[in-house]
Amino acid sequence: MTVDNMKFENEFEVPVIDVAGIQSPDLKSISEQIAKASEEWGYLQIVNHGVDPSLMERTEKVYREFFHFPAEMNQNS
């Protein structure tokens, strides 16, 4: 289990947390890394989570459609 950083053009580094070992004794370490990234960044990327890519694509499509609505419609949902 490792934490890496991604570099973007604007030089932000987003924490990347590998959760492949979440079913092992690494759980405490992974939890601490997620907490730290959340507290310091408010954002992180999780890899090796096992979520089916097609489910992720469908979920992304739904949230993009939702956020395409005018703000007043989103607030009533």
Protein backbone atom coordinates (compact mmCIF):
# COMPACT_ATOMS: atom_id res chain seq x y z
CA MET A 1 0.00 0.00 0.00
CA THR A 2 1.41 3.34 -1.01
CA VAL A 3 0.47 6.98 -1.25
CA ASP A 4 1.65 8.77 -4.35
CA ASN A 5 0.99 12.24 -5.70
CA MET A 6 -0.37 13.30 -9.04
CA LYS A 7 1.03 16.43 -10.66
CA PHE A 8 -1.22 18.71 -12.65
CA GLU A 9 -0.31 21.60 -14.93
CA ASN A 10 -1.00 24.09 -12.15
CA GLU A 11 1.39 22.18 -9.84
CA PHE A 12 -1.25 20.95 -7.39
CA GLU A 13 -0.49 17.53 -5.97
CA VAL A 14 -3.55 15.47 -5.10
CA PRO A 15 -3.00 12.60 -2.67
CA VAL A 16 -3.49 9.19 -4.29
CA ILE A 17 -4.26 6.37 -1.86
CA ASP A 18 -3.99 2.72 -2.85
CA VAL A 19 -6.60 0.72 -0.94
CA ALA A 20 -5.61 -2.70 -2.31
CA GLY A 21 -4.61 -3.77 1.22
CA ILE A 22 -7.82 -2.66 2.92
CA GLN A 23 -8.71 -6.24 3.90
CA SER A 24 -5.36 -6.69 5.60
CA PRO A 25 -3.61 -5.33 8.68
CA ASP A 26 -2.94 -2.19 6.57
CA LEU A 27 -6.50 -1.00 7.28
CA LYS A 28 -5.42 1.31 10.13
CA SER A 29 -2.68 2.87 8.01
CA ILE A 30 -5.04 3.34 5.05
CA SER A 31 -7.66 4.92 7.32
CA GLU A 32 -5.10 7.33 8.73
CA GLN A 33 -3.94 8.31 5.24
CA ILE A 34 -7.51 8.94 4.09
CA ALA A 35 -8.18 11.06 7.18
CA LYS A 36 -4.98 13.06 6.69
CA ALA A 37 -5.66 13.69 2.99
CA SER A 38 -9.23 14.73 3.79
CA GLU A 39 -8.15 17.12 6.53
CA GLU A 40 -5.25 18.66 4.60
CA TRP A 41 -6.66 18.64 1.07
CA GLY A 42 -10.38 18.01 1.27
CA TYR A 43 -9.86 15.86 -1.80
CA LEU A 44 -8.09 12.63 -2.71
CA GLN A 45 -8.00 9.91 -5.32
CA ILE A 46 -8.47 6.29 -4.29
CA VAL A 47 -7.02 3.56 -6.52
CA ASN A 48 -7.32 -0.24 -6.50
CA HIS A 49 -10.77 -0.01 -4.86
CA GLY A 50 -12.35 -2.78 -6.93
CA VAL A 51 -15.37 -0.76 -8.10
CA ASP A 52 -16.48 -1.88 -11.55
CA PRO A 53 -15.43 0.71 -14.17
CA SER A 54 -18.84 0.52 -15.88
CA LEU A 55 -20.54 1.46 -12.59
CA MET A 56 -18.16 4.40 -12.21
CA GLU A 57 -18.96 5.56 -15.76
CA ARG A 58 -22.73 5.35 -15.16
CA THR A 59 -22.38 7.21 -11.87
CA GLU A 60 -20.33 9.95 -13.52
CA LYS A 61 -22.96 10.32 -16.25
CA VAL A 62 -25.74 10.75 -13.67
CA TYR A 63 -23.90 13.34 -11.58
CA ARG A 64 -22.87 15.32 -14.67
CA GLU A 65 -26.51 15.39 -15.80
CA PHE A 66 -27.60 16.46 -12.30
CA PHE A 67 -25.10 19.31 -12.09
CA HIS A 68 -26.05 20.47 -15.59
CA PHE A 69 -29.47 21.54 -14.25
CA PRO A 70 -29.96 25.12 -13.06
CA ALA A 71 -28.94 25.58 -9.39
CA GLU A 72 -32.54 26.12 -8.20
CA MET A 73 -33.57 22.73 -9.63
CA ASN A 74 -30.62 20.99 -7.92
CA GLN A 75 -31.57 22.48 -4.55
CA ASN A 76 -35.09 21.06 -4.78
CA SER A 77 -33.86 17.51 -5.37
